[in-house]
């Protein structure tokens, strides 16, 4: 059984296309910070960014710490799918 990481966005005032571009930039920043800990699938649904390990050898604990350092993320939680 593997864990996933849930990254909750803060109050984002942007609407429309600007909001989506902001979410894409956040996902890009998360991808940059987590690449050294393994391969992760990163996607967004309903103002939450999901970071799911693509390999069983991913270091989830280190990825959680890396996600907490991304500007724009208000909370990070580990969850079971």
Protein backbone atom coordinates (compact mmCIF):
# COMPACT_ATOMS: atom_id res chain seq x y z
CA UNK A 1 0.00 0.00 0.00
CA UNK A 2 1.36 3.41 -0.91
CA UNK A 3 0.62 6.88 0.40
CA UNK A 4 -0.20 10.01 -1.54
CA UNK A 5 0.51 13.61 -0.60
CA UNK A 6 -2.28 16.19 -0.56
CA UNK A 7 -1.20 19.83 -0.97
CA UNK A 8 -3.95 22.32 -0.17
CA UNK A 9 -3.85 25.75 -1.77
CA UNK A 10 -4.48 28.89 0.23
CA UNK A 11 -7.12 31.45 -0.64
CA UNK A 12 -6.43 32.03 -4.31
CA UNK A 13 -8.05 35.23 -5.54
CA UNK A 14 -7.25 34.57 -9.18
CA UNK A 15 -10.15 33.52 -11.39
CA UNK A 16 -10.45 32.04 -14.84
CA UNK A 17 -7.33 31.32 -16.87
CA UNK A 18 -5.04 33.06 -14.38
CA UNK A 19 -6.01 30.61 -11.64
CA UNK A 20 -5.16 27.60 -13.79
CA UNK A 21 -1.78 29.07 -14.76
CA UNK A 22 -1.03 29.67 -11.07
CA UNK A 23 -1.90 26.03 -10.26
CA UNK A 24 0.29 24.84 -13.14
CA UNK A 25 3.19 26.91 -11.79
CA UNK A 26 2.70 25.42 -8.32
CA UNK A 27 2.69 21.90 -9.77
CA UNK A 28 5.88 22.73 -11.69
CA UNK A 29 7.55 23.95 -8.49
CA UNK A 30 6.48 20.80 -6.63
CA UNK A 31 7.82 18.66 -9.49
CA UNK A 32 11.19 20.44 -9.32
CA UNK A 33 11.49 19.96 -5.55
CA UNK A 34 10.47 16.28 -5.53
CA UNK A 35 12.44 14.93 -8.52
CA UNK A 36 15.43 13.89 -6.41
CA UNK A 37 13.20 11.75 -4.16
CA UNK A 38 11.75 9.60 -6.94
CA UNK A 39 9.21 9.81 -9.73
CA UNK A 40 5.84 11.29 -8.73
CA UNK A 41 2.60 11.89 -10.62
CA UNK A 42 1.34 15.39 -9.86
CA UNK A 43 -2.19 16.50 -10.71
CA UNK A 44 -4.78 18.98 -9.47
CA UNK A 45 -8.48 18.61 -8.56
CA UNK A 46 -10.71 21.07 -6.68
CA UNK A 47 -7.98 23.34 -5.27
CA UNK A 48 -5.92 20.37 -4.09
CA UNK A 49 -2.70 19.17 -5.67
CA UNK A 50 -2.15 15.41 -5.46
CA UNK A 51 1.42 14.07 -5.43
CA UNK A 52 1.32 10.33 -6.00
CA UNK A 53 4.42 8.10 -6.08
CA UNK A 54 4.85 6.42 -9.46
CA UNK A 55 7.43 3.93 -8.13
CA UNK A 56 7.58 1.95 -4.87
CA UNK A 57 11.10 3.26 -4.19
CA UNK A 58 9.99 6.91 -3.79
CA UNK A 59 10.91 8.64 -0.55
CA UNK A 60 7.52 10.00 0.51
CA UNK A 61 8.73 11.50 3.81
CA UNK A 62 11.33 13.64 2.05
CA UNK A 63 8.80 14.64 -0.61
CA UNK A 64 6.40 15.82 2.11
CA UNK A 65 9.13 18.02 3.58
CA UNK A 66 9.92 19.39 0.10
CA UNK A 67 6.24 20.18 -0.59
CA UNK A 68 6.01 22.16 2.65
CA UNK A 69 8.67 24.54 1.32
CA UNK A 70 6.74 25.52 -1.84
CA UNK A 71 5.29 29.02 -1.68
CA UNK A 72 1.51 29.03 -2.17
CA UNK A 73 0.87 25.72 -0.41
CA UNK A 74 -0.96 26.26 2.88
CA UNK A 75 -1.02 22.67 4.18
CA UNK A 76 0.45 19.29 3.31
CA UNK A 77 -0.99 15.96 4.44
CA UNK A 78 -0.22 12.31 3.82
CA UNK A 79 -3.16 10.09 2.89
CA UNK A 80 -3.94 6.55 1.83
CA UNK A 81 -5.78 6.24 -1.50
